[in-house]
Amino acid sequence: MRIRRHERTPRRLGPTWVSYRDAAQLFLRGATLPTAVRISVVVGTWLSLMNQGGLIVDGHPPWVKLVLNYLTPFVVASLGYLAARRRRNVERLVALLGERSD
């Protein structure tokens, strides 16, 4: 028996938020960590090698710049995660998808 792709159980969207306080609580509880850490590792490593590679190889890594190379994509990915889960954005998306399936 073959399972058709459109018959799969839909994925859970995760928590949503309404106020900025709700968003901050999601962030502090680590809701963004799985996504933001993966992105930060990939993008931060690329930025560090591309922009500071010579200094790293010479044994003089600019620690502040390296930290910022990882911190910046972490913050951006966290903000993107939270923006996608803002309740009004999720409700708009659900309504839009509902219109297309009719």
Protein backbone atom coordinates (compact mmCIF):
# COMPACT_ATOMS: atom_id res chain seq x y z
CA MET A 1 0.00 0.00 0.00
CA ARG A 2 1.39 3.39 -1.00
CA ILE A 3 0.87 6.49 1.06
CA ARG A 4 0.03 9.54 -0.97
CA ARG A 5 1.91 12.66 -0.05
CA HIS A 6 -1.19 14.82 0.30
CA GLU A 7 -2.64 12.41 2.88
CA ARG A 8 0.11 12.95 5.42
CA THR A 9 -0.68 14.52 8.75
CA PRO A 10 0.02 18.27 8.65
CA ARG A 11 2.99 19.52 10.64
CA ARG A 12 2.36 21.44 13.83
CA LEU A 13 3.18 25.14 13.47
CA GLY A 14 4.39 25.64 17.03
CA PRO A 15 3.61 28.47 19.41
CA THR A 16 2.34 31.84 18.24
CA TRP A 17 2.49 35.23 19.94
CA VAL A 18 0.47 38.42 20.09
CA SER A 19 2.43 40.92 22.20
CA TYR A 20 6.14 41.66 22.15
CA ARG A 21 6.24 40.39 25.71
CA ASP A 22 4.96 37.01 24.45
CA ALA A 23 7.67 37.05 21.77
CA ALA A 24 10.37 37.81 24.35
CA GLN A 25 9.13 34.95 26.52
CA LEU A 26 9.29 32.56 23.56
CA PHE A 27 12.84 33.71 22.88
CA LEU A 28 13.90 33.36 26.53
CA ARG A 29 12.36 29.88 26.74
CA GLY A 30 14.55 28.83 23.81
CA ALA A 31 11.87 28.44 21.15
CA THR A 32 14.20 29.90 18.51
CA LEU A 33 17.28 27.89 19.50
CA PRO A 34 17.03 24.84 17.21
CA THR A 35 16.59 26.97 14.10
CA ALA A 36 18.81 29.91 15.04
CA VAL A 37 21.78 27.81 16.20
CA ARG A 38 21.94 25.83 12.95
CA ILE A 39 21.79 28.98 10.85
CA SER A 40 24.29 30.75 13.10
CA VAL A 41 26.83 27.93 12.85
CA VAL A 42 26.68 27.78 9.05
CA VAL A 43 26.54 31.52 8.34
CA GLY A 44 28.89 32.50 11.19
CA THR A 45 31.51 30.00 10.07
CA TRP A 46 31.27 31.19 6.48
CA LEU A 47 31.58 34.86 7.49
CA SER A 48 34.48 34.14 9.84
CA LEU A 49 36.44 32.21 7.24
CA MET A 50 35.70 34.66 4.47
CA ASN A 51 36.41 37.86 6.42
CA GLN A 52 38.85 36.80 9.16
CA GLY A 53 40.42 33.65 7.72
CA GLY A 54 43.88 35.14 7.35
CA LEU A 55 44.02 36.37 10.94
CA ILE A 56 42.71 33.03 12.23
CA VAL A 57 45.37 31.10 10.29
CA ASP A 58 48.09 33.52 11.51
CA GLY A 59 47.04 32.78 15.10
CA HIS A 60 45.57 36.22 15.80
CA PRO A 61 41.82 35.68 15.76
CA PRO A 62 39.81 38.89 16.30
CA TRP A 63 37.53 37.49 19.00
CA VAL A 64 35.02 40.33 19.06
CA LYS A 65 34.48 40.12 15.29
CA LEU A 66 34.19 36.33 15.47
CA VAL A 67 31.55 36.54 18.19
CA LEU A 68 29.61 39.09 16.12
CA ASN A 69 29.89 36.82 13.05
CA TYR A 70 27.93 34.17 14.98
CA LEU A 71 25.70 36.46 17.04
CA THR A 72 24.34 38.44 14.07
CA PRO A 73 22.86 35.48 12.14
CA PHE A 74 21.56 34.05 15.44
CA VAL A 75 19.61 37.24 16.15
CA VAL A 76 18.36 37.54 12.56
CA ALA A 77 17.22 33.90 12.48
CA SER A 78 15.49 34.32 15.85
CA LEU A 79 13.66 37.41 14.63
CA GLY A 80 12.63 35.59 11.46
CA TYR A 81 11.36 32.64 13.49
CA LEU A 82 9.31 34.94 15.71
CA ALA A 83 7.97 36.99 12.78
CA ALA A 84 6.72 33.82 11.11
CA ARG A 85 4.88 32.84 14.29
CA ARG A 86 3.20 36.13 15.03
CA ARG A 87 -0.45 35.20 15.45
CA ARG A 88 -1.81 37.71 12.94
CA ASN A 89 0.69 36.50 10.31
CA VAL A 90 -0.25 32.87 10.95
CA GLU A 91 -3.96 33.69 10.75
CA ARG A 92 -3.44 35.49 7.41
CA LEU A 93 -1.51 32.54 6.03
CA VAL A 94 -4.16 30.04 7.15
CA ALA A 95 -6.89 32.18 5.57
CA LEU A 96 -4.90 32.48 2.34
CA LEU A 97 -4.28 28.75 2.18
CA GLY A 98 -7.95 28.10 2.93
CA GLU A 99 -8.96 30.27 -0.04
CA ARG A 100 -6.64 28.40 -2.39
CA SER A 101 -7.88 24.96 -1.38
CA ASP A 102 -11.52 25.83 -2.17
